[in-house]
């Protein structure tokens, strides 16, 4: 049984990743050493890796599914409104049926929060 997919997200400066995940989205810092930070909130987890070479090659878009998109939006937009993506700064129902909003950090990493219809 698969239980979790955990992305590696590369940053030239670890502080940029911590700013988005810990300061912006209130993830808890579980581990940090010279090149790696492990962050987690609820059942979402990510590995932040300091590596300028890989960071220059890959600015990912990460989706986080939630069952409380309005609460998540209210919390993050109050905490760090400057992180809201200019093309996803409000909760919007997409043509595929999900409600979404997005964050964009200064390095180009995009985090989309998504809640699927509960029909």
PDB file of N, CA and C in Angstrom:
ATOM      1  N   UNK A   1       0.837  -1.181   0.000  1.00  0.00           N
ATOM      2  CA  UNK A   1       0.000   0.000   0.000  1.00  0.00           C
ATOM      3  C   UNK A   1       0.880   1.242   0.000  1.00  0.00           C
ATOM      4  N   UNK A   2       0.609   2.150  -0.934  1.00  0.00           N
ATOM      5  CA  UNK A   2       1.311   3.425  -0.975  1.00  0.00           C
ATOM      6  C   UNK A   2       0.602   4.382  -0.018  1.00  0.00           C
ATOM      7  N   UNK A   3       1.360   5.129   0.750  1.00  0.00           N
ATOM      8  CA  UNK A   3       0.727   6.012   1.717  1.00  0.00           C
ATOM      9  C   UNK A   3       1.026   7.494   1.490  1.00  0.00           C
ATOM     10  N   UNK A   4       2.114   7.828   0.808  1.00  0.00           N
ATOM     11  CA  UNK A   4       2.447   9.241   0.654  1.00  0.00           C
ATOM     12  C   UNK A   4       3.485   9.415  -0.449  1.00  0.00           C
ATOM     13  N   UNK A   5       3.330  10.441  -1.253  1.00  0.00           N
ATOM     14  CA  UNK A   5       4.319  10.855  -2.239  1.00  0.00           C
ATOM     15  C   UNK A   5       4.937  12.143  -1.714  1.00  0.00           C
ATOM     16  N   UNK A   6       6.246  12.192  -1.581  1.00  0.00           N
ATOM     17  CA  UNK A   6       6.916  13.342  -0.977  1.00  0.00           C
ATOM     18  C   UNK A   6       7.878  13.948  -1.992  1.00  0.00           C
ATOM     19  N   UNK A   7       7.604  15.179  -2.432  1.00  0.00           N
ATOM     20  CA  UNK A   7       8.483  15.798  -3.427  1.00  0.00           C
ATOM     21  C   UNK A   7       9.749  16.373  -2.806  1.00  0.00           C
ATOM     22  N   UNK A   8      10.813  16.369  -3.608  1.00  0.00           N
ATOM     23  CA  UNK A   8      12.003  17.150  -3.317  1.00  0.00           C
ATOM     24  C   UNK A   8      11.826  18.472  -4.043  1.00  0.00           C
ATOM     25  N   UNK A   9      12.004  19.568  -3.340  1.00  0.00           N
ATOM     26  CA  UNK A   9      11.891  20.888  -3.943  1.00  0.00           C
ATOM     27  C   UNK A   9      13.234  21.581  -3.727  1.00  0.00           C
ATOM     28  N   UNK A  10      13.853  21.975  -4.833  1.00  0.00           N
ATOM     29  CA  UNK A  10      15.204  22.524  -4.786  1.00  0.00           C
ATOM     30  C   UNK A  10      15.186  24.041  -4.712  1.00  0.00           C
ATOM     31  N   UNK A  11      16.030  24.577  -3.843  1.00  0.00           N
ATOM     32  CA  UNK A  11      16.196  26.018  -3.667  1.00  0.00           C
ATOM     33  C   UNK A  11      17.678  26.361  -3.677  1.00  0.00           C
ATOM     34  N   UNK A  12      18.013  27.508  -4.281  1.00  0.00           N
ATOM     35  CA  UNK A  12      19.390  28.001  -4.207  1.00  0.00           C
ATOM     36  C   UNK A  12      19.697  28.432  -2.774  1.00  0.00           C
ATOM     37  N   UNK A  13      18.686  28.958  -2.094  1.00  0.00           N
ATOM     38  CA  UNK A  13      18.821  29.349  -0.688  1.00  0.00           C
ATOM     39  C   UNK A  13      17.725  28.647   0.113  1.00  0.00           C
ATOM     40  N   UNK A  14      18.104  27.894   1.108  1.00  0.00           N
ATOM     41  CA  UNK A  14      17.142  27.181   1.950  1.00  0.00           C
ATOM     42  C   UNK A  14      16.131  28.146   2.559  1.00  0.00           C
ATOM     43  N   UNK A  15      16.556  29.360   2.860  1.00  0.00           N
ATOM     44  CA  UNK A  15      15.659  30.323   3.496  1.00  0.00           C
ATOM     45  C   UNK A  15      14.439  30.617   2.628  1.00  0.00           C
ATOM     46  N   UNK A  16      14.587  30.596   1.298  1.00  0.00           N
ATOM     47  CA  UNK A  16      13.445  30.830   0.412  1.00  0.00           C
ATOM     48  C   UNK A  16      12.396  29.728   0.580  1.00  0.00           C
ATOM     49  N   UNK A  17      12.835  28.496   0.691  1.00  0.00           N
ATOM     50  CA  UNK A  17      11.902  27.383   0.894  1.00  0.00           C
ATOM     51  C   UNK A  17      11.239  27.436   2.255  1.00  0.00           C
ATOM     52  N   UNK A  18      11.994  27.763   3.275  1.00  0.00           N
ATOM     53  CA  UNK A  18      11.428  27.868   4.622  1.00  0.00           C
ATOM     54  C   UNK A  18      10.440  29.026   4.700  1.00  0.00           C
ATOM     55  N   UNK A  19      10.716  30.093   3.959  1.00  0.00           N
ATOM     56  CA  UNK A  19       9.802  31.230   3.943  1.00  0.00           C
ATOM     57  C   UNK A  19       8.438  30.812   3.392  1.00  0.00           C
ATOM     58  N   UNK A  20       8.416  30.061   2.303  1.00  0.00           N
ATOM     59  CA  UNK A  20       7.144  29.620   1.726  1.00  0.00           C
ATOM     60  C   UNK A  20       6.451  28.598   2.615  1.00  0.00           C
ATOM     61  N   UNK A  21       7.158  27.537   2.974  1.00  0.00           N
ATOM     62  CA  UNK A  21       6.511  26.420   3.662  1.00  0.00           C
ATOM     63  C   UNK A  21       6.274  26.663   5.151  1.00  0.00           C
ATOM     64  N   UNK A  22       7.262  27.158   5.872  1.00  0.00           N
ATOM     65  CA  UNK A  22       7.131  27.328   7.321  1.00  0.00           C
ATOM     66  C   UNK A  22       6.446  28.657   7.651  1.00  0.00           C
ATOM     67  N   UNK A  23       6.964  29.740   7.105  1.00  0.00           N
ATOM     68  CA  UNK A  23       6.395  31.054   7.415  1.00  0.00           C
ATOM     69  C   UNK A  23       5.079  31.293   6.679  1.00  0.00           C
ATOM     70  N   UNK A  24       4.994  30.874   5.415  1.00  0.00           N
ATOM     71  CA  UNK A  24       3.809  31.153   4.616  1.00  0.00           C
ATOM     72  C   UNK A  24       2.662  30.193   4.815  1.00  0.00           C
ATOM     73  N   UNK A  25       2.961  28.900   4.888  1.00  0.00           N
ATOM     74  CA  UNK A  25       1.902  27.887   4.956  1.00  0.00           C
ATOM     75  C   UNK A  25       1.837  27.174   6.299  1.00  0.00           C
ATOM     76  N   UNK A  26       2.625  27.598   7.266  1.00  0.00           N
ATOM     77  CA  UNK A  26       2.615  27.065   8.636  1.00  0.00           C
ATOM     78  C   UNK A  26       2.946  25.577   8.706  1.00  0.00           C
ATOM     79  N   UNK A  27       3.850  25.116   7.833  1.00  0.00           N
ATOM     80  CA  UNK A  27       4.359  23.758   7.960  1.00  0.00           C
ATOM     81  C   UNK A  27       5.306  23.714   9.157  1.00  0.00           C
ATOM     82  N   UNK A  28       5.386  22.576   9.794  1.00  0.00           N
ATOM     83  CA  UNK A  28       6.288  22.371  10.930  1.00  0.00           C
ATOM     84  C   UNK A  28       7.628  21.875  10.391  1.00  0.00           C
ATOM     85  N   UNK A  29       8.703  22.409  10.910  1.00  0.00           N
ATOM     86  CA  UNK A  29      10.048  21.973  10.534  1.00  0.00           C
ATOM     87  C   UNK A  29      10.398  20.733  11.347  1.00  0.00           C
ATOM     88  N   UNK A  30      10.503  19.590  10.670  1.00  0.00           N
ATOM     89  CA  UNK A  30      10.803  18.327  11.351  1.00  0.00           C
ATOM     90  C   UNK A  30      12.300  18.048  11.442  1.00  0.00           C
ATOM     91  N   UNK A  31      13.044  18.516  10.430  1.00  0.00           N
ATOM     92  CA  UNK A  31      14.479  18.248  10.379  1.00  0.00           C
ATOM     93  C   UNK A  31      15.132  19.320   9.532  1.00  0.00           C
ATOM     94  N   UNK A  32      16.354  19.697   9.910  1.00  0.00           N
ATOM     95  CA  UNK A  32      17.147  20.596   9.076  1.00  0.00           C
ATOM     96  C   UNK A  32      18.616  20.321   9.308  1.00  0.00           C
ATOM     97  N   UNK A  33      19.342  20.189   8.198  1.00  0.00           N
ATOM     98  CA  UNK A  33      20.796  20.108   8.268  1.00  0.00           C
ATOM     99  C   UNK A  33      21.367  21.054   7.214  1.00  0.00           C
ATOM    100  N   UNK A  34      22.604  20.841   6.795  1.00  0.00           N
ATOM    101  CA  UNK A  34      23.251  21.775   5.866  1.00  0.00           C
ATOM    102  C   UNK A  34      22.532  21.915   4.535  1.00  0.00           C
ATOM    103  N   UNK A  35      21.909  20.851   4.015  1.00  0.00           N
ATOM    104  CA  UNK A  35      21.309  20.882   2.677  1.00  0.00           C
ATOM    105  C   UNK A  35      19.861  20.430   2.619  1.00  0.00           C
ATOM    106  N   UNK A  36      19.294  19.939   3.708  1.00  0.00           N
ATOM    107  CA  UNK A  36      17.960  19.344   3.667  1.00  0.00           C
ATOM    108  C   UNK A  36      17.107  19.836   4.822  1.00  0.00           C
ATOM    109  N   UNK A  37      15.861  20.164   4.498  1.00  0.00           N
ATOM    110  CA  UNK A  37      14.859  20.441   5.538  1.00  0.00           C
ATOM    111  C   UNK A  37      13.647  19.573   5.221  1.00  0.00           C
ATOM    112  N   UNK A  38      13.082  18.974   6.242  1.00  0.00           N
ATOM    113  CA  UNK A  38      11.863  18.179   6.101  1.00  0.00           C
ATOM    114  C   UNK A  38      10.759  18.967   6.794  1.00  0.00           C
ATOM    115  N   UNK A  39       9.691  19.257   6.041  1.00  0.00           N
ATOM    116  CA  UNK A  39       8.582  20.038   6.582  1.00  0.00           C
ATOM    117  C   UNK A  39       7.294  19.244   6.431  1.00  0.00           C
ATOM    118  N   UNK A  40       6.355  19.486   7.368  1.00  0.00           N
ATOM    119  CA  UNK A  40       5.108  18.720   7.352  1.00  0.00           C
ATOM    120  C   UNK A  40       3.987  19.555   7.965  1.00  0.00           C
ATOM    121  N   UNK A  41       2.809  19.370   7.392  1.00  0.00           N
ATOM    122  CA  UNK A  41       1.587  19.924   7.974  1.00  0.00           C
ATOM    123  C   UNK A  41       0.478  18.927   7.689  1.00  0.00           C
ATOM    124  N   UNK A  42      -0.208  18.510   8.731  1.00  0.00           N
ATOM    125  CA  UNK A  42      -1.234  17.485   8.613  1.00  0.00           C
ATOM    126  C   UNK A  42      -0.602  16.261   7.933  1.00  0.00           C
ATOM    127  N   UNK A  43      -1.112  15.821   6.794  1.00  0.00           N
ATOM    128  CA  UNK A  43      -0.497  14.666   6.130  1.00  0.00           C
ATOM    129  C   UNK A  43       0.306  15.071   4.902  1.00  0.00           C
ATOM    130  N   UNK A  44       0.565  16.368   4.719  1.00  0.00           N
ATOM    131  CA  UNK A  44       1.390  16.844   3.602  1.00  0.00           C
ATOM    132  C   UNK A  44       2.832  17.021   4.088  1.00  0.00           C
ATOM    133  N   UNK A  45       3.764  16.533   3.300  1.00  0.00           N
ATOM    134  CA  UNK A  45       5.173  16.613   3.667  1.00  0.00           C
ATOM    135  C   UNK A  45       5.983  16.965   2.427  1.00  0.00           C
ATOM    136  N   UNK A  46       7.105  17.668   2.616  1.00  0.00           N
ATOM    137  CA  UNK A  46       8.010  17.991   1.516  1.00  0.00           C
ATOM    138  C   UNK A  46       9.441  17.983   2.032  1.00  0.00           C
ATOM    139  N   UNK A  47      10.349  17.667   1.127  1.00  0.00           N
ATOM    140  CA  UNK A  47      11.778  17.761   1.404  1.00  0.00           C
ATOM    141  C   UNK A  47      12.296  18.979   0.653  1.00  0.00           C
ATOM    142  N   UNK A  48      12.837  19.942   1.382  1.00  0.00           N
ATOM    143  CA  UNK A  48      13.429  21.128   0.786  1.00  0.00           C
ATOM    144  C   UNK A  48      14.930  20.900   0.719  1.00  0.00           C
ATOM    145  N   UNK A  49      15.482  20.993  -0.473  1.00  0.00           N
ATOM    146  CA  UNK A  49      16.892  20.678  -0.693  1.00  0.00           C
ATOM    147  C   UNK A  49      17.598  21.922  -1.210  1.00  0.00           C
ATOM    148  N   UNK A  50      18.682  22.304  -0.538  1.00  0.00           N
ATOM    149  CA  UNK A  50      19.469  23.443  -1.007  1.00  0.00           C
ATOM    150  C   UNK A  50      20.470  22.945  -2.044  1.00  0.00           C
ATOM    151  N   UNK A  51      20.213  23.335  -3.293  1.00  0.00           N
ATOM    152  CA  UNK A  51      21.070  22.948  -4.413  1.00  0.00           C
ATOM    153  C   UNK A  51      20.816  23.932  -5.546  1.00  0.00           C
ATOM    154  N   UNK A  52      21.702  24.898  -5.700  1.00  0.00           N
ATOM    155  CA  UNK A  52      21.510  25.967  -6.682  1.00  0.00           C
ATOM    156  C   UNK A  52      21.430  25.433  -8.111  1.00  0.00           C
ATOM    157  N   UNK A  53      22.209  24.403  -8.423  1.00  0.00           N
ATOM    158  CA  UNK A  53      22.210  23.856  -9.787  1.00  0.00           C
ATOM    159  C   UNK A  53      20.828  23.296 -10.150  1.00  0.00           C
ATOM    160  N   UNK A  54      20.261  22.462  -9.288  1.00  0.00           N
ATOM    161  CA  UNK A  54      18.949  21.884  -9.570  1.00  0.00           C
ATOM    162  C   UNK A  54      17.841  22.933  -9.462  1.00  0.00           C
ATOM    163  N   UNK A  55      17.984  23.892  -8.553  1.00  0.00           N
ATOM    164  CA  UNK A  55      16.979  24.948  -8.421  1.00  0.00           C
ATOM    165  C   UNK A  55      16.876  25.764  -9.705  1.00  0.00           C
ATOM    166  N   UNK A  56      17.999  25.983 -10.361  1.00  0.00           N
ATOM    167  CA  UNK A  56      17.994  26.742 -11.615  1.00  0.00           C
ATOM    168  C   UNK A  56      17.295  25.981 -12.741  1.00  0.00           C
ATOM    169  N   UNK A  57      17.226  24.660 -12.625  1.00  0.00           N
ATOM    170  CA  UNK A  57      16.643  23.827 -13.686  1.00  0.00           C
ATOM    171  C   UNK A  57      15.174  23.501 -13.463  1.00  0.00           C
ATOM    172  N   UNK A  58      14.679  23.618 -12.238  1.00  0.00           N
ATOM    173  CA  UNK A  58      13.339  23.121 -11.946  1.00  0.00           C
ATOM    174  C   UNK A  58      12.618  23.989 -10.933  1.00  0.00           C
ATOM    175  N   UNK A  59      11.551  24.637 -11.354  1.00  0.00           N
ATOM    176  CA  UNK A  59      10.671  25.393 -10.452  1.00  0.00           C
ATOM    177  C   UNK A  59       9.311  24.703 -10.534  1.00  0.00           C
ATOM    178  N   UNK A  60       9.023  23.831  -9.604  1.00  0.00           N
ATOM    179  CA  UNK A  60       7.844  22.965  -9.718  1.00  0.00           C
ATOM    180  C   UNK A  60       6.524  23.645  -9.381  1.00  0.00           C
ATOM    181  N   UNK A  61       5.458  23.013  -9.852  1.00  0.00           N
ATOM    182  CA  UNK A  61       4.113  23.321  -9.402  1.00  0.00           C
ATOM    183  C   UNK A  61       3.664  22.121  -8.586  1.00  0.00           C
ATOM    184  N   UNK A  62       3.271  22.373  -7.356  1.00  0.00           N
ATOM    185  CA  UNK A  62       2.899  21.318  -6.421  1.00  0.00           C
ATOM    186  C   UNK A  62       1.431  21.512  -6.066  1.00  0.00           C
ATOM    187  N   UNK A  63       0.661  20.442  -6.062  1.00  0.00           N
ATOM    188  CA  UNK A  63      -0.739  20.523  -5.668  1.00  0.00           C
ATOM    189  C   UNK A  63      -0.924  19.875  -4.306  1.00  0.00           C
ATOM    190  N   UNK A  64      -1.691  20.529  -3.456  1.00  0.00           N
ATOM    191  CA  UNK A  64      -2.045  19.990  -2.151  1.00  0.00           C
ATOM    192  C   UNK A  64      -3.563  19.924  -2.087  1.00  0.00           C
ATOM    193  N   UNK A  65      -4.098  18.730  -1.922  1.00  0.00           N
ATOM    194  CA  UNK A  65      -5.540  18.580  -1.793  1.00  0.00           C
ATOM    195  C   UNK A  65      -5.944  18.804  -0.345  1.00  0.00           C
ATOM    196  N   UNK A  66      -7.101  19.424  -0.183  1.00  0.00           N
ATOM    197  CA  UNK A  66      -7.612  19.738   1.143  1.00  0.00           C
ATOM    198  C   UNK A  66      -9.110  19.472   1.185  1.00  0.00           C
ATOM    199  N   UNK A  67      -9.631  19.307   2.381  1.00  0.00           N
ATOM    200  CA  UNK A  67     -11.080  19.202   2.536  1.00  0.00           C
ATOM    201  C   UNK A  67     -11.627  20.452   3.236  1.00  0.00           C
ATOM    202  N   UNK A  68     -10.792  21.485   3.338  1.00  0.00           N
ATOM    203  CA  UNK A  68     -11.191  22.737   3.996  1.00  0.00           C
ATOM    204  C   UNK A  68     -10.553  23.921   3.272  1.00  0.00           C
ATOM    205  N   UNK A  69     -10.848  24.061   1.991  1.00  0.00           N
ATOM    206  CA  UNK A  69     -10.162  25.083   1.187  1.00  0.00           C
ATOM    207  C   UNK A  69     -10.448  26.500   1.671  1.00  0.00           C
ATOM    208  N   UNK A  70     -11.655  26.764   2.106  1.00  0.00           N
ATOM    209  CA  UNK A  70     -11.974  28.117   2.570  1.00  0.00           C
ATOM    210  C   UNK A  70     -11.200  28.476   3.829  1.00  0.00           C
ATOM    211  N   UNK A  71     -11.080  27.543   4.764  1.00  0.00           N
ATOM    212  CA  UNK A  71     -10.295  27.795   5.979  1.00  0.00           C
ATOM    213  C   UNK A  71      -8.819  27.964   5.653  1.00  0.00           C
ATOM    214  N   UNK A  72      -8.307  27.113   4.754  1.00  0.00           N
ATOM    215  CA  UNK A  72      -6.900  27.186   4.355  1.00  0.00           C
ATOM    216  C   UNK A  72      -6.609  28.527   3.687  1.00  0.00           C
ATOM    217  N   UNK A  73      -7.501  28.930   2.784  1.00  0.00           N
ATOM    218  CA  UNK A  73      -7.342  30.215   2.103  1.00  0.00           C
ATOM    219  C   UNK A  73      -7.361  31.370   3.111  1.00  0.00           C
ATOM    220  N   UNK A  74      -8.320  31.362   4.018  1.00  0.00           N
ATOM    221  CA  UNK A  74      -8.428  32.437   5.006  1.00  0.00           C
ATOM    222  C   UNK A  74      -7.159  32.539   5.847  1.00  0.00           C
ATOM    223  N   UNK A  75      -6.649  31.405   6.271  1.00  0.00           N
ATOM    224  CA  UNK A  75      -5.441  31.395   7.101  1.00  0.00           C
ATOM    225  C   UNK A  75      -4.238  31.939   6.340  1.00  0.00           C
ATOM    226  N   UNK A  76      -3.992  31.410   5.144  1.00  0.00           N
ATOM    227  CA  UNK A  76      -2.791  31.796   4.398  1.00  0.00           C
ATOM    228  C   UNK A  76      -2.898  33.225   3.875  1.00  0.00           C
ATOM    229  N   UNK A  77      -4.075  33.622   3.396  1.00  0.00           N
ATOM    230  CA  UNK A  77      -4.210  34.982   2.868  1.00  0.00           C
ATOM    231  C   UNK A  77      -4.067  36.024   3.975  1.00  0.00           C
ATOM    232  N   UNK A  78      -4.413  35.670   5.197  1.00  0.00           N
ATOM    233  CA  UNK A  78      -4.204  36.568   6.331  1.00  0.00           C
ATOM    234  C   UNK A  78      -2.733  36.584   6.739  1.00  0.00           C
ATOM    235  N   UNK A  79      -2.118  35.388   6.775  1.00  0.00           N
ATOM    236  CA  UNK A  79      -0.724  35.252   7.207  1.00  0.00           C
ATOM    237  C   UNK A  79       0.245  35.894   6.219  1.00  0.00           C
ATOM    238  N   UNK A  80       0.090  35.577   4.932  1.00  0.00           N
ATOM    239  CA  UNK A  80       1.049  36.032   3.912  1.00  0.00           C
ATOM    240  C   UNK A  80       0.342  36.345   2.593  1.00  0.00           C
ATOM    241  N   UNK A  81      -0.429  37.421   2.506  1.00  0.00           N
ATOM    242  CA  UNK A  81      -1.161  37.729   1.278  1.00  0.00           C
ATOM    243  C   UNK A  81      -0.254  37.933   0.063  1.00  0.00           C
ATOM    244  N   UNK A  82       0.979  38.327   0.279  1.00  0.00           N
ATOM    245  CA  UNK A  82       1.914  38.540  -0.820  1.00  0.00           C
ATOM    246  C   UNK A  82       2.320  37.263  -1.538  1.00  0.00           C
ATOM    247  N   UNK A  83       2.033  36.107  -0.941  1.00  0.00           N
ATOM    248  CA  UNK A  83       2.342  34.826  -1.591  1.00  0.00           C
ATOM    249  C   UNK A  83       1.237  34.373  -2.548  1.00  0.00           C
ATOM    250  N   UNK A  84       0.057  35.001  -2.508  1.00  0.00           N
ATOM    251  CA  UNK A  84      -1.024  34.579  -3.394  1.00  0.00           C
ATOM    252  C   UNK A  84      -0.614  34.790  -4.855  1.00  0.00           C
ATOM    253  N   UNK A  85      -0.822  33.757  -5.667  1.00  0.00           N
ATOM    254  CA  UNK A  85      -0.458  33.787  -7.088  1.00  0.00           C
ATOM    255  C   UNK A  85      -1.341  34.800  -7.814  1.00  0.00           C
ATOM    256  N   UNK A  86      -0.771  35.644  -8.672  1.00  0.00           N
ATOM    257  CA  UNK A  86      -1.596  36.625  -9.383  1.00  0.00           C
ATOM    258  C   UNK A  86      -2.688  35.991 -10.256  1.00  0.00           C
ATOM    259  N   UNK A  87      -2.502  34.757 -10.689  1.00  0.00           N
ATOM    260  CA  UNK A  87      -3.512  34.073 -11.495  1.00  0.00           C
ATOM    261  C   UNK A  87      -4.357  33.107 -10.669  1.00  0.00           C
ATOM    262  N   UNK A  88      -4.223  33.123  -9.364  1.00  0.00           N
ATOM    263  CA  UNK A  88      -4.981  32.214  -8.511  1.00  0.00           C
ATOM    264  C   UNK A  88      -5.153  32.774  -7.121  1.00  0.00           C
ATOM    265  N   UNK A  89      -5.360  34.094  -7.034  1.00  0.00           N
ATOM    266  CA  UNK A  89      -5.368  34.746  -5.728  1.00  0.00           C
ATOM    267  C   UNK A  89      -6.692  34.654  -4.990  1.00  0.00           C
ATOM    268  N   UNK A  90      -7.698  34.069  -5.617  1.00  0.00           N
ATOM    269  CA  UNK A  90      -8.984  33.817  -4.953  1.00  0.00           C
ATOM    270  C   UNK A  90      -9.384  32.376  -5.220  1.00  0.00           C
ATOM    271  N   UNK A  91     -10.258  31.846  -4.394  1.00  0.00           N
ATOM    272  CA  UNK A  91     -10.775  30.497  -4.625  1.00  0.00           C
ATOM    273  C   UNK A  91     -11.695  30.553  -5.833  1.00  0.00           C
ATOM    274  N   UNK A  92     -11.453  29.646  -6.763  1.00  0.00           N
ATOM    275  CA  UNK A  92     -12.241  29.617  -7.994  1.00  0.00           C
ATOM    276  C   UNK A  92     -12.553  28.175  -8.373  1.00  0.00           C
ATOM    277  N   UNK A  93     -13.795  27.943  -8.811  1.00  0.00           N
ATOM    278  CA  UNK A  93     -14.174  26.617  -9.315  1.00  0.00           C
ATOM    279  C   UNK A  93     -13.627  26.503 -10.727  1.00  0.00           C
ATOM    280  N   UNK A  94     -12.823  25.477 -10.973  1.00  0.00           N
ATOM    281  CA  UNK A  94     -12.211  25.257 -12.276  1.00  0.00           C
ATOM    282  C   UNK A  94     -13.134  24.409 -13.151  1.00  0.00           C
ATOM    283  N   UNK A  95     -12.928  24.422 -14.470  1.00  0.00           N
ATOM    284  CA  UNK A  95     -13.789  23.638 -15.368  1.00  0.00           C
ATOM    285  C   UNK A  95     -13.802  22.146 -15.042  1.00  0.00           C
ATOM    286  N   UNK A  96     -12.734  21.631 -14.438  1.00  0.00           N
ATOM    287  CA  UNK A  96     -12.672  20.207 -14.101  1.00  0.00           C
ATOM    288  C   UNK A  96     -13.362  19.902 -12.775  1.00  0.00           C
ATOM    289  N   UNK A  97     -13.946  20.919 -12.125  1.00  0.00           N
ATOM    290  CA  UNK A  97     -14.783  20.690 -10.955  1.00  0.00           C
ATOM    291  C   UNK A  97     -14.156  20.996  -9.618  1.00  0.00           C
ATOM    292  N   UNK A  98     -12.863  21.179  -9.556  1.00  0.00           N
ATOM    293  CA  UNK A  98     -12.201  21.454  -8.283  1.00  0.00           C
ATOM    294  C   UNK A  98     -12.221  22.946  -7.980  1.00  0.00           C
ATOM    295  N   UNK A  99     -12.268  23.264  -6.689  1.00  0.00           N
ATOM    296  CA  UNK A  99     -12.054  24.635  -6.242  1.00  0.00           C
ATOM    297  C   UNK A  99     -10.564  24.771  -5.974  1.00  0.00           C
ATOM    298  N   UNK A 100      -9.979  25.899  -6.399  1.00  0.00           N
ATOM    299  CA  UNK A 100      -8.534  26.070  -6.267  1.00  0.00           C
ATOM    300  C   UNK A 100      -8.159  27.517  -5.960  1.00  0.00           C
ATOM    301  N   UNK A 101      -7.014  27.661  -5.289  1.00  0.00           N
ATOM    302  CA  UNK A 101      -6.282  28.919  -5.223  1.00  0.00           C
ATOM    303  C   UNK A 101      -4.811  28.535  -5.193  1.00  0.00           C
ATOM    304  N   UNK A 102      -3.922  29.509  -5.437  1.00  0.00           N
ATOM    305  CA  UNK A 102      -2.508  29.172  -5.578  1.00  0.00           C
ATOM    306  C   UNK A 102      -1.607  30.203  -4.917  1.00  0.00           C
ATOM    307  N   UNK A 103      -0.418  29.736  -4.590  1.00  0.00           N
ATOM    308  CA  UNK A 103       0.651  30.579  -4.065  1.00  0.00           C
ATOM    309  C   UNK A 103       1.817  30.540  -5.043  1.00  0.00           C
ATOM    310  N   UNK A 104       2.604  31.604  -5.051  1.00  0.00           N
ATOM    311  CA  UNK A 104       3.801  31.662  -5.884  1.00  0.00           C
ATOM    312  C   UNK A 104       4.885  32.339  -5.070  1.00  0.00           C
ATOM    313  N   UNK A 105       6.016  31.631  -4.865  1.00  0.00           N
ATOM    314  CA  UNK A 105       7.093  32.261  -4.106  1.00  0.00           C
ATOM    315  C   UNK A 105       8.018  33.033  -5.038  1.00  0.00           C
ATOM    316  N   UNK A 106       8.971  33.747  -4.472  1.00  0.00           N
ATOM    317  CA  UNK A 106       9.826  34.618  -5.286  1.00  0.00           C
ATOM    318  C   UNK A 106      10.767  33.853  -6.206  1.00  0.00           C
ATOM    319  N   UNK A 107      10.900  32.541  -6.006  1.00  0.00           N
ATOM    320  CA  UNK A 107      11.764  31.745  -6.885  1.00  0.00           C
ATOM    321  C   UNK A 107      10.988  31.081  -8.015  1.00  0.00           C
ATOM    322  N   UNK A 108       9.648  31.194  -8.008  1.00  0.00           N
ATOM    323  CA  UNK A 108       8.832  30.589  -9.054  1.00  0.00           C
ATOM    324  C   UNK A 108       8.189  29.272  -8.673  1.00  0.00           C
ATOM    325  N   UNK A 109       8.348  28.823  -7.433  1.00  0.00           N
ATOM    326  CA  UNK A 109       7.657  27.607  -6.986  1.00  0.00           C
ATOM    327  C   UNK A 109       6.188  27.963  -6.780  1.00  0.00           C
ATOM    328  N   UNK A 110       5.313  27.140  -7.381  1.00  0.00           N
ATOM    329  CA  UNK A 110       3.875  27.360  -7.294  1.00  0.00           C
ATOM    330  C   UNK A 110       3.248  26.230  -6.482  1.00  0.00           C
ATOM    331  N   UNK A 111       2.384  26.601  -5.543  1.00  0.00           N
ATOM    332  CA  UNK A 111       1.635  25.624  -4.750  1.00  0.00           C
ATOM    333  C   UNK A 111       0.154  25.883  -4.989  1.00  0.00           C
ATOM    334  N   UNK A 112      -0.533  24.866  -5.515  1.00  0.00           N
ATOM    335  CA  UNK A 112      -1.965  24.965  -5.777  1.00  0.00           C
ATOM    336  C   UNK A 112      -2.700  24.190  -4.690  1.00  0.00           C
ATOM    337  N   UNK A 113      -3.631  24.843  -4.026  1.00  0.00           N
ATOM    338  CA  UNK A 113      -4.500  24.171  -3.065  1.00  0.00           C
ATOM    339  C   UNK A 113      -5.785  23.820  -3.800  1.00  0.00           C
ATOM    340  N   UNK A 114      -6.237  22.581  -3.628  1.00  0.00           N
ATOM    341  CA  UNK A 114      -7.354  22.082  -4.419  1.00  0.00           C
ATOM    342  C   UNK A 114      -8.315  21.288  -3.537  1.00  0.00           C
ATOM    343  N   UNK A 115      -9.602  21.551  -3.724  1.00  0.00           N
ATOM    344  CA  UNK A 115     -10.646  20.754  -3.074  1.00  0.00           C
ATOM    345  C   UNK A 115     -11.607  20.285  -4.149  1.00  0.00           C
ATOM    346  N   UNK A 116     -11.787  18.973  -4.207  1.00  0.00           N
ATOM    347  CA  UNK A 116     -12.696  18.381  -5.181  1.00  0.00           C
ATOM    348  C   UNK A 116     -14.118  18.439  -4.670  1.00  0.00           C
ATOM    349  N   UNK A 117     -15.045  18.481  -5.578  1.00  0.00           N
ATOM    350  CA  UNK A 117     -16.476  18.488  -5.242  1.00  0.00           C
ATOM    351  C   UNK A 117     -16.835  17.304  -4.388  1.00  0.00           C
ATOM    352  N   UNK A 118     -17.708  17.562  -3.457  1.00  0.00           N
ATOM    353  CA  UNK A 118     -18.227  16.506  -2.599  1.00  0.00           C
ATOM    354  C   UNK A 118     -19.694  16.275  -2.965  1.00  0.00           C
ATOM    355  N   UNK A 119     -19.960  15.672  -4.118  1.00  0.00           N
ATOM    356  CA  UNK A 119     -21.341  15.429  -4.575  1.00  0.00           C
ATOM    357  C   UNK A 119     -21.937  14.206  -3.949  1.00  0.00           C
TER     358      UNK A 119
END
